Amino acid sequence: MPYSASHKEQTREKIVESARILFNRHGFRSVTIDMIMENAGLTRGGFYNHFKTKEALFSAAVSGFLTGRGAQWREEAGVDVTNLNPEMAVHMIDAYLSDKHLGDRDGQCPMIALPSDVARASEDVQQSFQQLLTAMVWLFETNMAADAPDNRREALSIAALCVGGMVLARTLPDSALADEVRAAAHASAVAAFKAHSA
């Protein structure tokens, strides 16, 4: 008896989430299809019912973050992207650059966990990564003062501070310098946002 469409979709989501976590922990190149499927509690043979290649799965794991673990992360952090106001954008900066987010290796945004892997990946993976950045920039830009001519540039700068601050902090675990980097990125990002949202 064939599996239902919903069962197939649930299995696919399980594979994507397994891959996302393992890619965050070990990087794309160090993770095998066998590791992904074992972590998902599935057999290797089932992989090819959902993905042609590991690279195709990588793209799905990156793009799926926005509506999967990323949506859960935003909810846990109290970031409501449907509630557009300057305070919500500042709250996003606070949550993104938080110690909690830094410590959540399995749940981290792919922009923090996987930038080097994505830089070496296919165009599809890079497009998925770009979707994440575009969503973050949109949140900042949408909540800025409507008449400011350089909103997009500032929103891009704030996103770069958030992501870059966390990437650097991730490479300096449990150190005072990591805390300083995040604090500096946070202060600059909040100041830049508030200057353009008044």
Protein backbone atom coordinates (compact mmCIF):
# COMPACT_ATOMS: atom_id res chain seq x y z
CA MET A 1 0.00 0.00 0.00
CA PRO A 2 1.54 3.35 -1.04
CA TYR A 3 2.17 6.04 1.52
CA SER A 4 -0.14 9.07 1.58
CA ALA A 5 1.00 12.47 0.33
CA SER A 6 0.99 13.79 3.90
CA HIS A 7 3.21 10.91 5.06
CA LYS A 8 5.62 11.59 2.23
CA GLU A 9 5.73 15.30 3.12
CA GLN A 10 6.31 14.51 6.81
CA THR A 11 9.16 12.18 5.89
CA ARG A 12 10.68 14.85 3.66
CA GLU A 13 10.47 17.41 6.47
CA LYS A 14 12.12 14.95 8.85
CA ILE A 15 15.01 14.50 6.40
CA VAL A 16 15.37 18.27 5.90
CA GLU A 17 15.42 18.95 9.64
CA SER A 18 17.89 16.14 10.28
CA ALA A 19 20.17 17.55 7.59
CA ARG A 20 19.85 21.12 8.86
CA ILE A 21 20.90 20.11 12.36
CA LEU A 22 23.81 17.98 11.17
CA PHE A 23 25.01 20.64 8.74
CA ASN A 24 24.94 23.17 11.61
CA ARG A 25 26.96 20.82 13.82
CA HIS A 26 29.51 19.51 11.33
CA GLY A 27 29.33 21.52 8.10
CA PHE A 28 28.08 20.34 4.72
CA ARG A 29 31.13 18.37 3.61
CA SER A 30 31.48 16.38 6.84
CA VAL A 31 27.90 15.11 6.78
CA THR A 32 26.96 12.05 4.73
CA ILE A 33 23.59 10.93 3.44
CA ASP A 34 23.88 7.90 5.72
CA MET A 35 24.36 10.18 8.74
CA ILE A 36 21.34 12.29 7.78
CA MET A 37 19.06 9.33 7.28
CA GLU A 38 20.21 7.55 10.42
CA ASN A 39 19.66 10.73 12.45
CA ALA A 40 16.16 10.95 10.94
CA GLY A 41 15.47 7.30 11.84
CA LEU A 42 15.18 6.32 8.16
CA THR A 43 17.03 4.09 5.72
CA ARG A 44 19.39 5.43 3.08
CA GLY A 45 17.24 4.08 0.26
CA GLY A 46 14.43 6.44 1.18
CA PHE A 47 16.61 9.49 0.58
CA TYR A 48 16.27 9.31 -3.19
CA ASN A 49 12.48 9.32 -3.00
CA HIS A 50 12.80 12.93 -1.87
CA PHE A 51 16.09 14.37 -3.17
CA LYS A 52 18.32 13.73 -6.17
CA THR A 53 21.50 14.86 -4.42
CA LYS A 54 22.86 15.94 -1.06
CA GLU A 55 23.27 19.41 -2.57
CA ALA A 56 19.53 19.56 -3.34
CA LEU A 57 18.89 18.66 0.30
CA PHE A 58 21.32 21.40 1.38
CA SER A 59 19.27 23.95 -0.56
CA ALA A 60 16.05 22.69 1.06
CA ALA A 61 17.61 22.76 4.53
CA VAL A 62 18.71 26.38 4.11
CA SER A 63 15.49 27.68 2.55
CA GLY A 64 13.31 25.63 4.89
CA PHE A 65 14.79 27.38 7.92
CA LEU A 66 12.64 30.46 7.34
CA THR A 67 9.35 28.60 7.74
CA GLY A 68 10.60 25.70 9.88
CA ARG A 69 13.06 26.10 12.74
CA GLY A 70 13.37 29.83 12.00
CA ALA A 71 9.63 30.35 12.53
CA GLN A 72 9.85 28.38 15.78
CA TRP A 73 12.89 30.44 16.83
CA ARG A 74 11.05 33.72 16.10
CA GLU A 75 8.04 32.57 18.10
CA GLU A 76 10.20 31.54 21.06
CA ALA A 77 12.01 34.89 20.87
CA GLY A 78 8.75 36.84 20.65
CA VAL A 79 9.51 38.19 17.17
CA ASP A 80 6.23 38.60 15.26
CA VAL A 81 6.92 39.59 11.65
CA THR A 82 3.21 40.31 11.13
CA ASN A 83 3.37 43.00 13.82
CA LEU A 84 5.30 45.63 11.92
CA ASN A 85 6.67 48.32 14.20
CA PRO A 86 10.11 49.64 15.14
CA GLU A 87 10.09 47.85 18.51
CA MET A 88 9.68 44.48 16.77
CA ALA A 89 12.70 45.14 14.56
CA VAL A 90 14.79 46.06 17.61
CA HIS A 91 13.53 42.91 19.31
CA MET A 92 14.76 40.92 16.30
CA ILE A 93 18.23 42.46 16.71
CA ASP A 94 18.16 41.66 20.44
CA ALA A 95 17.14 38.04 19.87
CA TYR A 96 19.44 37.41 16.91
CA LEU A 97 22.53 38.65 18.75
CA SER A 98 21.57 36.99 22.02
CA ASP A 99 23.62 34.54 24.06
CA LYS A 100 20.73 32.08 23.73
CA HIS A 101 20.90 32.14 19.93
CA LEU A 102 24.68 31.80 20.00
CA GLY A 103 24.44 28.76 22.28
CA ASP A 104 21.79 27.02 20.17
CA ARG A 105 24.14 25.37 17.67
CA ASP A 106 21.49 22.98 16.37
CA GLY A 107 18.92 25.74 15.94
CA GLN A 108 21.11 28.55 14.65
CA CYS A 109 20.27 30.44 11.52
CA PRO A 110 22.15 29.03 8.50
CA MET A 111 23.53 32.52 7.86
CA ILE A 112 25.54 32.06 11.07
CA ALA A 113 26.27 28.35 10.90
CA LEU A 114 26.99 27.78 7.22
CA PRO A 115 28.35 30.84 5.35
CA SER A 116 31.59 29.18 4.20
CA ASP A 117 29.77 26.05 3.05
CA VAL A 118 27.21 28.12 1.16
CA ALA A 119 29.94 30.18 -0.52
CA ARG A 120 31.26 26.92 -2.04
CA ALA A 121 27.84 25.47 -2.85
CA SER A 122 25.63 25.52 -5.92
CA GLU A 123 23.68 28.54 -7.09
CA ASP A 124 20.47 26.95 -5.75
CA VAL A 125 21.92 26.79 -2.25
CA GLN A 126 23.18 30.36 -2.53
CA GLN A 127 19.73 31.51 -3.67
CA SER A 128 18.20 29.81 -0.62
CA PHE A 129 20.71 31.59 1.60
CA GLN A 130 19.88 34.88 -0.12
CA GLN A 131 16.19 34.37 0.74
CA LEU A 132 17.10 34.36 4.44
CA LEU A 133 19.08 37.58 4.14
CA THR A 134 16.33 39.20 2.07
CA ALA A 135 13.75 38.38 4.75
CA MET A 136 15.91 39.91 7.49
CA VAL A 137 16.62 43.05 5.46
CA TRP A 138 12.90 43.37 4.68
CA LEU A 139 12.03 43.32 8.38
CA PHE A 140 14.47 46.12 9.14
CA GLU A 141 13.71 48.23 6.07
CA THR A 142 9.93 47.92 6.42
CA ASN A 143 10.08 49.26 9.97
CA MET A 144 12.19 52.32 9.17
CA ALA A 145 10.85 55.83 8.59
CA ALA A 146 9.16 55.92 5.19
CA ASP A 147 10.84 59.11 3.99
CA ALA A 148 14.48 58.17 4.62
CA PRO A 149 16.26 57.76 1.25
CA ASP A 150 18.97 55.38 2.45
CA ASN A 151 16.77 52.86 4.28
CA ARG A 152 17.82 49.89 2.16
CA ARG A 153 21.52 50.57 2.65
CA GLU A 154 21.02 50.91 6.40
CA ALA A 155 18.87 47.76 6.58
CA LEU A 156 21.60 45.84 4.74
CA SER A 157 24.22 47.23 7.13
CA ILE A 158 22.18 46.22 10.17
CA ALA A 159 21.71 42.70 8.80
CA ALA A 160 25.46 42.51 8.13
CA LEU A 161 26.15 43.57 11.73
CA CYS A 162 23.76 40.93 13.08
CA VAL A 163 25.03 38.07 10.94
CA GLY A 164 28.69 39.10 11.00
CA GLY A 165 28.69 39.65 14.74
CA MET A 166 27.28 36.18 15.31
CA VAL A 167 29.61 34.50 12.80
CA LEU A 168 32.62 35.99 14.58
CA ALA A 169 31.24 35.15 18.02
CA ARG A 170 30.59 31.56 16.91
CA THR A 171 34.28 31.16 16.09
CA LEU A 172 35.26 32.41 19.56
CA PRO A 173 33.21 30.19 21.89
CA ASP A 174 33.07 30.93 25.58
CA SER A 175 35.38 33.90 25.39
CA ALA A 176 35.18 37.48 26.54
CA LEU A 177 36.05 38.60 23.02
CA ALA A 178 32.99 36.80 21.62
CA ASP A 179 30.82 38.69 24.10
CA GLU A 180 32.49 41.97 23.16
CA VAL A 181 31.93 41.34 19.46
CA ARG A 182 28.23 40.60 19.96
CA ALA A 183 27.79 43.60 22.28
CA ALA A 184 29.48 45.92 19.79
CA ALA A 185 27.45 44.58 16.86
CA HIS A 186 24.26 44.87 18.91
CA ALA A 187 24.93 48.45 20.00
CA SER A 188 25.79 49.57 16.46
CA ALA A 189 22.83 47.75 14.89
CA VAL A 190 20.31 49.17 17.37
CA ALA A 191 21.73 52.69 17.06
CA ALA A 192 21.63 52.52 13.25
CA PHE A 193 18.07 51.21 13.28
CA LYS A 194 16.80 53.81 15.74
CA ALA A 195 18.42 56.60 13.73
CA HIS A 196 16.37 55.51 10.72
CA SER A 197 13.08 54.70 12.42
CA ALA A 198 12.35 57.99 14.13
